[in-house]
N, C-alpha and C. Protein backbone atom coordinates (compact mmCIF):
# COMPACT_ATOMS: atom_id res chain seq x y z
N MET A 1 0.82 -1.19 0.00
CA MET A 1 0.00 0.00 0.00
C MET A 1 0.86 1.25 0.00
N TRP A 2 1.92 1.26 0.80
CA TRP A 2 2.77 2.44 0.85
C TRP A 2 3.43 2.71 -0.49
N ILE A 3 3.76 1.66 -1.21
CA ILE A 3 4.41 1.85 -2.50
C ILE A 3 3.46 2.53 -3.48
N ASP A 4 2.17 2.19 -3.39
CA ASP A 4 1.17 2.83 -4.24
C ASP A 4 1.06 4.32 -3.94
N ILE A 5 1.08 4.64 -2.65
CA ILE A 5 1.01 6.04 -2.25
C ILE A 5 2.25 6.80 -2.72
N LEU A 6 3.40 6.18 -2.58
CA LEU A 6 4.64 6.83 -3.02
C LEU A 6 4.66 7.03 -4.53
N VAL A 7 4.18 6.04 -5.26
CA VAL A 7 4.13 6.17 -6.72
C VAL A 7 3.17 7.28 -7.13
N ALA A 8 2.00 7.33 -6.49
CA ALA A 8 1.02 8.37 -6.79
C ALA A 8 1.58 9.75 -6.44
N ARG A 9 2.27 9.84 -5.31
CA ARG A 9 2.88 11.12 -4.90
C ARG A 9 3.92 11.56 -5.91
N GLU A 10 4.76 10.65 -6.34
CA GLU A 10 5.81 10.97 -7.31
C GLU A 10 5.21 11.41 -8.64
N TYR A 11 4.12 10.76 -9.03
CA TYR A 11 3.43 11.13 -10.26
C TYR A 11 2.88 12.55 -10.17
N LEU A 12 2.24 12.88 -9.04
CA LEU A 12 1.69 14.23 -8.86
C LEU A 12 2.79 15.28 -8.81
N VAL A 13 3.88 14.97 -8.13
CA VAL A 13 4.99 15.92 -8.07
C VAL A 13 5.55 16.17 -9.46
N THR A 14 5.64 15.12 -10.26
CA THR A 14 6.13 15.28 -11.63
C THR A 14 5.18 16.13 -12.44
N LEU A 15 3.88 15.88 -12.32
CA LEU A 15 2.89 16.66 -13.06
C LEU A 15 2.92 18.13 -12.64
N LEU A 16 2.92 18.37 -11.36
CA LEU A 16 2.88 19.75 -10.86
C LEU A 16 4.21 20.45 -11.07
N GLY A 17 5.28 19.72 -11.03
CA GLY A 17 6.58 20.33 -11.22
C GLY A 17 6.85 20.75 -12.64
N GLU A 18 6.20 20.09 -13.58
CA GLU A 18 6.43 20.39 -14.99
C GLU A 18 5.30 21.20 -15.62
N ARG A 19 4.46 21.81 -14.80
CA ARG A 19 3.34 22.57 -15.37
C ARG A 19 3.88 23.83 -16.06
N ARG A 20 3.16 24.21 -17.08
CA ARG A 20 3.57 25.37 -17.86
C ARG A 20 3.16 26.66 -17.18
N ARG A 21 3.91 27.69 -17.44
CA ARG A 21 3.58 29.00 -16.91
C ARG A 21 3.28 29.94 -18.07
N ASP A 22 2.26 30.77 -17.89
CA ASP A 22 1.94 31.71 -18.95
C ASP A 22 2.81 32.95 -18.81
N GLU A 23 2.57 33.96 -19.65
CA GLU A 23 3.43 35.14 -19.68
C GLU A 23 3.39 35.94 -18.39
N ALA A 24 2.28 35.92 -17.69
CA ALA A 24 2.17 36.67 -16.44
C ALA A 24 2.82 35.94 -15.27
N GLY A 25 3.21 34.71 -15.45
CA GLY A 25 3.88 33.96 -14.40
C GLY A 25 2.94 33.10 -13.56
N LEU A 26 1.66 33.12 -13.87
CA LEU A 26 0.72 32.30 -13.12
C LEU A 26 0.55 30.97 -13.83
N SER A 27 0.48 29.92 -13.08
CA SER A 27 0.33 28.60 -13.67
C SER A 27 -1.12 28.35 -14.03
N VAL A 28 -1.34 27.36 -14.84
CA VAL A 28 -2.68 26.99 -15.26
C VAL A 28 -3.50 26.54 -14.06
N VAL A 29 -2.87 25.82 -13.15
CA VAL A 29 -3.58 25.34 -11.96
C VAL A 29 -4.08 26.52 -11.13
N GLU A 30 -3.27 27.54 -10.97
CA GLU A 30 -3.69 28.72 -10.21
C GLU A 30 -4.86 29.42 -10.88
N TRP A 31 -4.84 29.50 -12.21
CA TRP A 31 -5.95 30.10 -12.95
C TRP A 31 -7.22 29.30 -12.74
N VAL A 32 -7.13 27.99 -12.83
CA VAL A 32 -8.32 27.14 -12.68
C VAL A 32 -8.90 27.27 -11.27
N ILE A 33 -8.04 27.29 -10.27
CA ILE A 33 -8.51 27.45 -8.89
C ILE A 33 -9.19 28.81 -8.72
N GLY A 34 -8.58 29.85 -9.24
CA GLY A 34 -9.16 31.19 -9.13
C GLY A 34 -10.51 31.29 -9.83
N ILE A 35 -10.59 30.76 -11.03
CA ILE A 35 -11.85 30.79 -11.78
C ILE A 35 -12.93 29.98 -11.06
N THR A 36 -12.54 28.86 -10.47
CA THR A 36 -13.50 28.04 -9.74
C THR A 36 -14.05 28.79 -8.53
N ILE A 37 -13.19 29.49 -7.82
CA ILE A 37 -13.63 30.27 -6.65
C ILE A 37 -14.58 31.37 -7.08
N VAL A 38 -14.21 32.10 -8.12
CA VAL A 38 -15.06 33.20 -8.61
C VAL A 38 -16.41 32.66 -9.09
N ALA A 39 -16.40 31.55 -9.82
CA ALA A 39 -17.65 30.97 -10.31
C ALA A 39 -18.54 30.54 -9.13
N GLY A 40 -17.95 29.98 -8.11
CA GLY A 40 -18.72 29.60 -6.92
C GLY A 40 -19.35 30.80 -6.24
N LEU A 41 -18.60 31.89 -6.15
CA LEU A 41 -19.15 33.11 -5.55
C LEU A 41 -20.29 33.67 -6.39
N VAL A 42 -20.12 33.67 -7.69
CA VAL A 42 -21.17 34.16 -8.58
C VAL A 42 -22.44 33.33 -8.44
N LEU A 43 -22.30 32.01 -8.39
CA LEU A 43 -23.46 31.15 -8.21
C LEU A 43 -24.14 31.39 -6.86
N ALA A 44 -23.36 31.61 -5.81
CA ALA A 44 -23.93 31.86 -4.50
C ALA A 44 -24.71 33.17 -4.48
N VAL A 45 -24.14 34.22 -5.06
CA VAL A 45 -24.83 35.51 -5.12
C VAL A 45 -26.09 35.38 -5.97
N GLY A 46 -26.01 34.69 -7.08
CA GLY A 46 -27.19 34.48 -7.92
C GLY A 46 -28.29 33.75 -7.19
N ALA A 47 -27.93 32.73 -6.41
CA ALA A 47 -28.92 31.98 -5.65
C ALA A 47 -29.59 32.86 -4.60
N ILE A 48 -28.82 33.72 -3.96
CA ILE A 48 -29.38 34.63 -2.96
C ILE A 48 -30.35 35.60 -3.61
N ILE A 49 -29.98 36.16 -4.75
CA ILE A 49 -30.85 37.11 -5.45
C ILE A 49 -32.14 36.42 -5.90
N VAL A 50 -32.03 35.23 -6.45
CA VAL A 50 -33.22 34.49 -6.89
C VAL A 50 -34.13 34.20 -5.70
N ALA A 51 -33.58 33.82 -4.58
CA ALA A 51 -34.39 33.53 -3.39
C ALA A 51 -35.12 34.78 -2.92
N LYS A 52 -34.44 35.91 -2.90
CA LYS A 52 -35.07 37.16 -2.45
C LYS A 52 -36.17 37.60 -3.41
N VAL A 53 -35.92 37.50 -4.70
CA VAL A 53 -36.93 37.89 -5.69
C VAL A 53 -38.13 36.96 -5.60
N THR A 54 -37.89 35.67 -5.43
CA THR A 54 -38.98 34.71 -5.30
C THR A 54 -39.82 35.00 -4.06
N ASP A 55 -39.17 35.32 -2.94
CA ASP A 55 -39.90 35.66 -1.72
C ASP A 55 -40.77 36.89 -1.93
N LYS A 56 -40.24 37.92 -2.57
CA LYS A 56 -41.00 39.13 -2.84
C LYS A 56 -42.17 38.84 -3.77
N ALA A 57 -41.95 38.01 -4.78
CA ALA A 57 -43.02 37.67 -5.73
C ALA A 57 -44.12 36.89 -5.03
N ASN A 58 -43.77 36.04 -4.09
CA ASN A 58 -44.78 35.27 -3.37
C ASN A 58 -45.61 36.15 -2.42
N GLU A 59 -45.08 37.31 -2.02
CA GLU A 59 -45.81 38.21 -1.14
C GLU A 59 -46.85 39.05 -1.88
N ILE A 60 -46.78 39.10 -3.20
CA ILE A 60 -47.71 39.91 -3.99
C ILE A 60 -49.09 39.25 -3.96
N SER A 61 -50.08 40.05 -3.58
CA SER A 61 -51.45 39.57 -3.54
C SER A 61 -52.08 39.78 -4.91
N LEU A 62 -52.72 38.76 -5.45
CA LEU A 62 -53.35 38.85 -6.75
C LEU A 62 -54.84 39.19 -6.64
N ASN A 63 -55.33 39.38 -5.43
CA ASN A 63 -56.76 39.71 -5.24
C ASN A 63 -56.97 41.18 -5.20
């Protein structure tokens, strides 16, 4: 089992160690993590807005 973990660790170190860097110096992994965080925040804000609008719409009396 330990040998499997060591092999997997070595594979990840090789992958991460050889990642390409763009002109600004940020790696692709850093870009993906940043975009994922921003997308999560956008979805959370959107869900909050939809919930508030839905609550307001449900308060409108049609009579």
